[in-house]
Amino acid sequence: MKKKQRLILQIMLAVLMIGILVSFSVGQYPVPPDAVVGILAKKAGLPIESFWTGAMETAVWNIRLPRVILSIMVGMSLAAAGGAYQGVFQNPMASPDILGASAGAGFGAALAILLGASSAGIMTGAFGFGMVTVGLVFLVSHRAKGDRILGLVLSGIMISTLFQSGTSFLKLVADPGNQLPQITYWLMGSLSGARWADVGFAVVPMILGWIPLLLLRWQLNVITVGDDEAKTLGIHPQRLRLLIVVFSTLITASAVAVSGIIGWVGLVIPHITRRLVGNDYRYLMPASMMGGGIFLLLVDNLSRSLTASGIPIGILTAFIGAPFFLWMITGKGARDEH
């Protein structure tokens, strides 16, 4: 079984690499594959004489490469957070926005747009309010009586509703000719304006979240079995859940800050990869991360190909994710699990 799981991970990695190369040639301005390889090789320092135009180099290096990298980073983060939340809460419907990070980030971005902030200010506002929202959720759930996990989820729903209402109010008072369209477009989720600055903004917090989740994945296996079993192995289940939730929220807030709200990735991808590699988080976590990167990269390529301006990626993930999830829980998808 381990050989099969490792083979699947290797195949997913190969698919991701191929997807990256193909992505540079996708779009309204086609760039030949040999030119893509030559440009990347020259930027890496290899002595290659240019046989491409300056426009091709600009398209590949300044526009498509940061977008490709960002789409993979966001997809990996949302899928990793979704898989971690589903394990921690023992709920297959858990998703990265369960604790309100997306709702808080949406409010923060809308407020920054309303105040006339720059792109960096919008990202900072989204990230900051995403983390503040989760902090409020923890504060409220700590005072809640009864089951801690249930209290955490219910607090997340409540705080999310409050921030969603706040975002609706900001949209109401926003300038309908300028600010309102910008807020609406941001909330739909998009990678069309991806820049190297966006990659630089998100890469550090994402890495700070990815590494602990990968290191803790074998312990996540234990708490999915039960708290008593975890304690016999010297694991503090509540402390471990808190750590996993914090790191998952960190990468969720980072992803939402640079891409807007993109749904379904963190819900659907862990389910797909679970069918491929099983429930063992030693393989499920890296498989979910690669699966999320592949999925969002493909969806972003589709977004760039359909129209010149690009369809907001959040719309496409919903169009693709919702029907697929319905297939998974009904009909052949449900029978395959038995």
Protein backbone atom coordinates (compact mmCIF):
# COMPACT_ATOMS: atom_id res chain seq x y z
CA MET A 1 0.00 0.00 0.00
CA LYS A 2 2.82 2.42 0.82
CA LYS A 3 4.37 1.84 -2.59
CA LYS A 4 1.06 2.68 -4.24
CA GLN A 5 0.70 5.87 -2.21
CA ARG A 6 4.24 6.96 -3.00
CA LEU A 7 3.69 6.26 -6.68
CA ILE A 8 0.54 8.40 -6.64
CA LEU A 9 2.45 11.24 -4.97
CA GLN A 10 5.17 10.98 -7.63
CA ILE A 11 2.58 11.02 -10.41
CA MET A 12 0.90 14.09 -8.87
CA LEU A 13 4.25 15.86 -8.66
CA ALA A 14 4.92 15.07 -12.35
CA VAL A 15 1.45 16.34 -13.31
CA LEU A 16 2.11 19.55 -11.36
CA MET A 17 5.43 20.09 -13.17
CA ILE A 18 3.83 19.50 -16.56
CA GLY A 19 0.97 21.82 -15.63
CA ILE A 20 3.45 24.57 -14.77
CA LEU A 21 5.16 24.34 -18.16
CA VAL A 22 1.85 24.26 -20.03
CA SER A 23 0.55 27.26 -18.06
CA PHE A 24 3.16 29.58 -19.58
CA SER A 25 1.78 28.93 -23.07
CA VAL A 26 -1.87 29.42 -22.08
CA GLY A 27 -3.61 32.75 -22.55
CA GLN A 28 -4.58 35.36 -25.09
CA TYR A 29 -0.90 35.92 -25.98
CA PRO A 30 0.61 32.48 -26.79
CA VAL A 31 4.28 31.84 -26.07
CA PRO A 32 5.96 28.76 -27.64
CA PRO A 33 7.21 26.14 -25.14
CA ASP A 34 10.82 26.41 -26.34
CA ALA A 35 10.72 30.16 -25.75
CA VAL A 36 9.32 29.59 -22.24
CA VAL A 37 12.15 27.18 -21.39
CA GLY A 38 14.73 29.54 -22.89
CA ILE A 39 13.45 32.55 -20.96
CA LEU A 40 13.38 30.68 -17.64
CA ALA A 41 16.83 29.22 -18.28
CA LYS A 42 18.29 32.64 -19.09
CA LYS A 43 16.72 34.15 -15.96
CA ALA A 44 18.32 31.31 -14.01
CA GLY A 45 21.73 32.47 -15.26
CA LEU A 46 22.42 30.09 -18.14
CA PRO A 47 24.25 31.60 -21.13
CA ILE A 48 21.46 31.37 -23.72
CA GLU A 49 21.13 33.75 -26.65
CA SER A 50 17.67 35.25 -26.92
CA PHE A 51 15.52 33.87 -29.73
CA TRP A 52 12.29 35.34 -28.36
CA THR A 53 10.81 38.81 -28.36
CA GLY A 54 10.88 41.23 -25.45
CA ALA A 55 7.09 41.00 -25.21
CA MET A 56 7.34 37.24 -24.72
CA GLU A 57 9.90 37.69 -21.95
CA THR A 58 7.72 40.26 -20.20
CA ALA A 59 4.66 38.03 -20.49
CA VAL A 60 6.46 34.99 -19.10
CA TRP A 61 8.58 36.54 -16.35
CA ASN A 62 6.54 39.51 -15.10
CA ILE A 63 2.98 38.33 -15.70
CA ARG A 64 2.63 34.56 -15.98
CA LEU A 65 5.33 33.27 -13.65
CA PRO A 66 4.10 35.14 -10.54
CA ARG A 67 0.53 34.14 -11.41
CA VAL A 68 1.48 30.48 -11.83
CA ILE A 69 3.44 30.47 -8.56
CA LEU A 70 0.65 32.27 -6.69
CA SER A 71 -2.06 29.93 -8.00
CA ILE A 72 -0.07 26.92 -6.79
CA MET A 73 0.63 28.53 -3.40
CA VAL A 74 -3.03 29.47 -2.87
CA GLY A 75 -4.29 26.06 -3.99
CA MET A 76 -1.81 24.25 -1.75
CA SER A 77 -2.75 26.41 1.23
CA LEU A 78 -6.53 26.07 0.87
CA ALA A 79 -6.35 22.31 0.31
CA ALA A 80 -3.93 21.77 3.21
CA ALA A 81 -6.12 23.82 5.53
CA GLY A 82 -9.23 21.96 4.39
CA GLY A 83 -7.66 18.57 5.00
CA ALA A 84 -6.37 19.64 8.41
CA TYR A 85 -9.73 21.08 9.49
CA GLN A 86 -11.55 17.92 8.38
CA GLY A 87 -9.19 15.85 10.52
CA VAL A 88 -9.26 18.11 13.57
CA PHE A 89 -13.04 18.59 13.63
CA GLN A 90 -13.78 15.06 12.40
CA ASN A 91 -16.20 16.63 9.96
CA PRO A 92 -16.03 15.93 6.20
CA MET A 93 -17.80 19.24 5.51
CA ALA A 94 -15.16 21.35 7.25
CA SER A 95 -13.47 23.91 5.00
CA PRO A 96 -10.81 26.63 5.39
CA ASP A 97 -13.34 29.36 6.15
CA ILE A 98 -14.98 27.45 9.01
CA LEU A 99 -13.47 29.76 11.65
CA GLY A 100 -14.27 32.96 9.81
CA ALA A 101 -10.89 33.73 8.24
CA SER A 102 -12.44 34.32 4.81
CA ALA A 103 -15.24 36.48 6.18
CA GLY A 104 -12.80 38.58 8.19
CA ALA A 105 -10.42 38.90 5.24
CA GLY A 106 -13.29 39.99 3.00
CA PHE A 107 -14.27 42.69 5.49
CA GLY A 108 -10.67 43.86 5.83
CA ALA A 109 -10.21 44.10 2.06
CA ALA A 110 -13.52 45.92 1.59
CA LEU A 111 -12.61 48.40 4.33
CA ALA A 112 -9.18 49.00 2.79
CA ILE A 113 -10.73 49.61 -0.64
CA LEU A 114 -13.24 52.00 0.91
CA LEU A 115 -10.39 53.93 2.52
CA GLY A 116 -8.54 54.15 -0.79
CA ALA A 117 -5.65 51.88 0.19
CA SER A 118 -3.09 50.56 -2.27
CA SER A 119 -2.87 46.91 -3.32
CA ALA A 120 -0.43 46.26 -0.48
CA GLY A 121 -2.85 47.95 1.94
CA ILE A 122 -5.72 45.79 0.71
CA MET A 123 -3.68 42.60 1.20
CA THR A 124 -2.56 43.74 4.66
CA GLY A 125 -6.12 44.63 5.66
CA ALA A 126 -7.42 41.27 4.45
CA PHE A 127 -4.69 39.30 6.22
CA GLY A 128 -4.96 41.32 9.44
CA PHE A 129 -8.73 41.10 9.76
CA GLY A 130 -8.64 37.41 8.82
CA MET A 131 -6.38 36.71 11.78
CA VAL A 132 -8.33 39.07 14.07
CA THR A 133 -11.55 37.25 13.21
CA VAL A 134 -10.11 33.88 14.20
CA GLY A 135 -8.75 35.44 17.40
CA LEU A 136 -12.27 36.60 18.26
CA VAL A 137 -13.60 33.13 17.51
CA PHE A 138 -11.11 31.58 19.94
CA LEU A 139 -11.97 34.19 22.57
CA VAL A 140 -15.70 33.54 22.31
CA SER A 141 -15.36 29.75 22.15
CA HIS A 142 -13.12 29.78 25.24
CA ARG A 143 -16.05 31.18 27.23
CA ALA A 144 -18.57 28.78 25.70
CA LYS A 145 -19.83 25.90 27.82
CA GLY A 146 -19.93 22.29 26.70
CA ASP A 147 -17.93 20.67 23.93
CA ARG A 148 -14.92 22.82 22.92
CA ILE A 149 -14.87 21.76 19.26
CA LEU A 150 -18.58 22.40 18.82
CA GLY A 151 -18.21 25.75 20.58
CA LEU A 152 -15.35 26.68 18.25
CA VAL A 153 -17.37 25.85 15.13
CA LEU A 154 -20.49 27.66 16.33
CA SER A 155 -18.42 30.69 17.31
CA GLY A 156 -16.88 30.68 13.84
CA ILE A 157 -20.32 30.68 12.23
CA MET A 158 -21.50 33.54 14.45
CA ILE A 159 -18.42 35.75 13.98
CA SER A 160 -18.42 35.03 10.23
CA THR A 161 -22.01 36.22 9.99
CA LEU A 162 -21.13 39.46 11.79
CA PHE A 163 -18.22 40.22 9.46
CA GLN A 164 -20.26 39.28 6.39
CA SER A 165 -22.89 41.77 7.55
CA GLY A 166 -20.14 44.35 7.98
CA THR A 167 -18.95 43.70 4.42
CA SER A 168 -22.51 44.13 3.13
CA PHE A 169 -22.70 47.48 4.91
CA LEU A 170 -19.41 48.61 3.38
CA LYS A 171 -20.71 47.66 -0.06
CA LEU A 172 -23.84 49.68 0.66
CA VAL A 173 -21.90 52.89 1.43
CA ALA A 174 -19.18 52.37 -1.20
CA ASP A 175 -18.98 54.54 -4.31
CA PRO A 176 -21.04 52.60 -6.89
CA GLY A 177 -18.91 53.90 -9.76
CA ASN A 178 -15.50 52.82 -8.47
CA GLN A 179 -15.25 51.24 -5.04
CA LEU A 180 -18.25 48.89 -5.23
CA PRO A 181 -17.11 47.11 -8.41
CA GLN A 182 -13.62 46.74 -6.93
CA ILE A 183 -14.98 45.24 -3.69
CA THR A 184 -17.31 42.91 -5.58
CA TYR A 185 -14.56 41.72 -7.91
CA TRP A 186 -12.18 41.10 -5.00
CA LEU A 187 -14.79 39.04 -3.16
CA MET A 188 -15.24 36.85 -6.25
CA GLY A 189 -11.60 35.75 -6.04
CA SER A 190 -9.10 36.30 -8.82
CA LEU A 191 -5.42 35.92 -9.66
CA SER A 192 -5.51 38.22 -12.69
CA GLY A 193 -3.44 40.94 -11.04
CA ALA A 194 -0.81 38.64 -9.56
CA ARG A 195 2.60 40.29 -9.14
CA TRP A 196 5.92 39.36 -7.58
CA ALA A 197 4.97 41.60 -4.63
CA ASP A 198 1.94 39.37 -3.97
CA VAL A 199 4.13 36.28 -3.99
CA GLY A 200 6.57 37.94 -1.59
CA PHE A 201 3.74 39.00 0.71
CA ALA A 202 2.26 35.50 1.03
CA VAL A 203 5.24 33.16 0.81
CA VAL A 204 6.59 33.61 4.35
CA PRO A 205 3.34 33.07 6.32
CA MET A 206 2.41 30.20 4.01
CA ILE A 207 5.73 28.44 4.57
CA LEU A 208 5.37 29.05 8.30
CA GLY A 209 2.05 27.20 8.09
CA TRP A 210 2.96 24.45 5.62
CA ILE A 211 6.01 23.16 7.46
CA PRO A 212 4.31 22.54 10.86
CA LEU A 213 1.30 20.92 9.19
CA LEU A 214 3.61 18.53 7.33
CA LEU A 215 5.62 17.81 10.49
CA LEU A 216 2.47 17.23 12.59
CA ARG A 217 0.63 15.09 10.06
CA TRP A 218 1.44 11.78 11.78
CA GLN A 219 0.09 13.17 15.07
CA LEU A 220 -3.05 14.25 13.22
CA ASN A 221 -3.54 10.56 12.41
CA VAL A 222 -3.60 9.80 16.14
CA ILE A 223 -6.19 12.40 17.18
CA THR A 224 -8.52 11.24 14.42
CA VAL A 225 -8.64 7.88 16.24
CA GLY A 226 -9.51 9.39 19.62
CA ASP A 227 -8.24 11.50 22.49
CA ASP A 228 -7.61 8.54 24.79
CA GLU A 229 -5.34 6.85 22.25
CA ALA A 230 -3.51 10.13 21.71
CA LYS A 231 -2.87 10.58 25.44
CA THR A 232 -1.47 7.06 25.77
CA LEU A 233 1.10 8.01 23.11
CA GLY A 234 2.08 11.15 24.99
CA ILE A 235 0.17 13.56 22.72
CA HIS A 236 -1.88 16.41 24.19
CA PRO A 237 -4.92 16.38 21.82
CA GLN A 238 -6.34 19.81 22.70
CA ARG A 239 -2.97 21.50 22.37
CA LEU A 240 -2.33 19.72 19.07
CA ARG A 241 -5.75 20.76 17.71
CA LEU A 242 -5.04 24.35 18.66
CA LEU A 243 -1.67 24.30 16.87
CA ILE A 244 -3.12 22.76 13.72
CA VAL A 245 -6.02 25.23 13.68
CA VAL A 246 -3.64 28.18 14.13
CA PHE A 247 -1.32 27.11 11.31
CA SER A 248 -4.25 26.22 9.03
CA THR A 249 -5.79 29.63 9.68
CA LEU A 250 -2.48 31.34 8.97
CA ILE A 251 -2.22 29.85 5.48
CA THR A 252 -5.93 30.43 4.84
CA ALA A 253 -5.67 34.12 5.72
CA SER A 254 -2.52 34.42 3.59
CA ALA A 255 -4.24 32.80 0.60
CA VAL A 256 -7.40 34.90 0.87
CA ALA A 257 -5.35 38.08 1.28
CA VAL A 258 -3.67 37.70 -2.12
CA SER A 259 -6.43 36.00 -4.13
CA GLY A 260 -9.76 37.02 -2.67
CA ILE A 261 -12.31 34.45 -1.58
CA ILE A 262 -11.95 31.20 -3.54
CA GLY A 263 -14.32 28.50 -2.40
CA TRP A 264 -14.54 24.73 -2.77
CA VAL A 265 -10.80 24.04 -3.07
CA GLY A 266 -10.38 23.23 0.62
CA LEU A 267 -13.59 21.20 0.69
CA VAL A 268 -13.36 19.12 -2.49
CA ILE A 269 -9.63 18.50 -3.00
CA PRO A 270 -9.01 16.67 0.34
CA HIS A 271 -11.93 14.36 -0.51
CA ILE A 272 -10.48 13.58 -3.94
CA THR A 273 -6.99 12.91 -2.60
CA ARG A 274 -8.42 10.82 0.24
CA ARG A 275 -9.79 8.46 -2.39
CA LEU A 276 -6.38 8.27 -4.03
CA VAL A 277 -4.09 7.76 -1.03
CA GLY A 278 -6.45 6.88 1.84
CA ASN A 279 -6.94 8.46 5.25
CA ASP A 280 -3.32 8.33 6.38
CA TYR A 281 -2.31 11.97 6.83
CA ARG A 282 1.34 11.11 6.21
CA TYR A 283 0.31 10.82 2.57
CA LEU A 284 -2.98 12.71 2.59
CA MET A 285 -1.49 16.05 3.60
CA PRO A 286 1.18 16.26 0.83
CA ALA A 287 -1.30 14.78 -1.66
CA SER A 288 -3.89 17.42 -0.74
CA MET A 289 -1.33 20.19 -1.12
CA MET A 290 -0.23 19.01 -4.56
CA GLY A 291 -3.83 18.33 -5.58
CA GLY A 292 -4.83 21.85 -4.55
CA GLY A 293 -1.95 23.34 -6.52
CA ILE A 294 -2.82 21.29 -9.62
CA PHE A 295 -6.52 22.10 -9.40
CA LEU A 296 -6.16 25.86 -8.97
CA LEU A 297 -3.47 26.01 -11.65
CA LEU A 298 -5.78 24.28 -14.13
CA VAL A 299 -8.76 26.44 -13.18
CA ASP A 300 -6.66 29.59 -13.54
CA ASN A 301 -5.52 28.44 -16.98
CA LEU A 302 -9.17 27.98 -17.90
CA SER A 303 -9.93 31.46 -16.59
CA ARG A 304 -7.20 32.99 -18.77
CA SER A 305 -8.29 31.06 -21.85
CA LEU A 306 -12.02 31.80 -21.85
CA THR A 307 -11.93 35.60 -22.00
CA ALA A 308 -9.34 38.32 -22.50
CA SER A 309 -9.99 39.86 -19.08
CA GLY A 310 -10.27 36.49 -17.32
CA ILE A 311 -13.23 35.10 -15.39
CA PRO A 312 -12.94 35.48 -11.59
CA ILE A 313 -11.50 32.20 -10.42
CA GLY A 314 -13.93 31.92 -7.49
CA ILE A 315 -16.80 31.59 -9.98
CA LEU A 316 -15.07 28.77 -11.86
CA THR A 317 -14.15 26.82 -8.71
CA ALA A 318 -17.81 26.94 -7.68
CA PHE A 319 -18.98 25.83 -11.15
CA ILE A 320 -16.54 22.91 -11.10
CA GLY A 321 -16.50 22.09 -7.39
CA ALA A 322 -20.22 22.07 -6.59
CA PRO A 323 -21.32 19.56 -9.28
CA PHE A 324 -18.31 17.36 -8.56
CA PHE A 325 -19.10 17.34 -4.85
CA LEU A 326 -22.72 16.43 -5.61
CA TRP A 327 -21.43 13.52 -7.70
CA MET A 328 -19.23 12.45 -4.80
CA ILE A 329 -22.05 12.29 -2.27
CA THR A 330 -24.65 10.78 -4.62
CA GLY A 331 -24.70 8.16 -7.34
CA LYS A 332 -21.45 6.55 -8.44
CA GLY A 333 -19.31 8.81 -6.24
CA ALA A 334 -21.02 7.58 -3.09
CA ARG A 335 -21.01 3.92 -4.16
CA ASP A 336 -17.26 4.03 -4.80
CA GLU A 337 -16.64 4.53 -1.08
CA HIS A 338 -18.30 1.28 -0.12
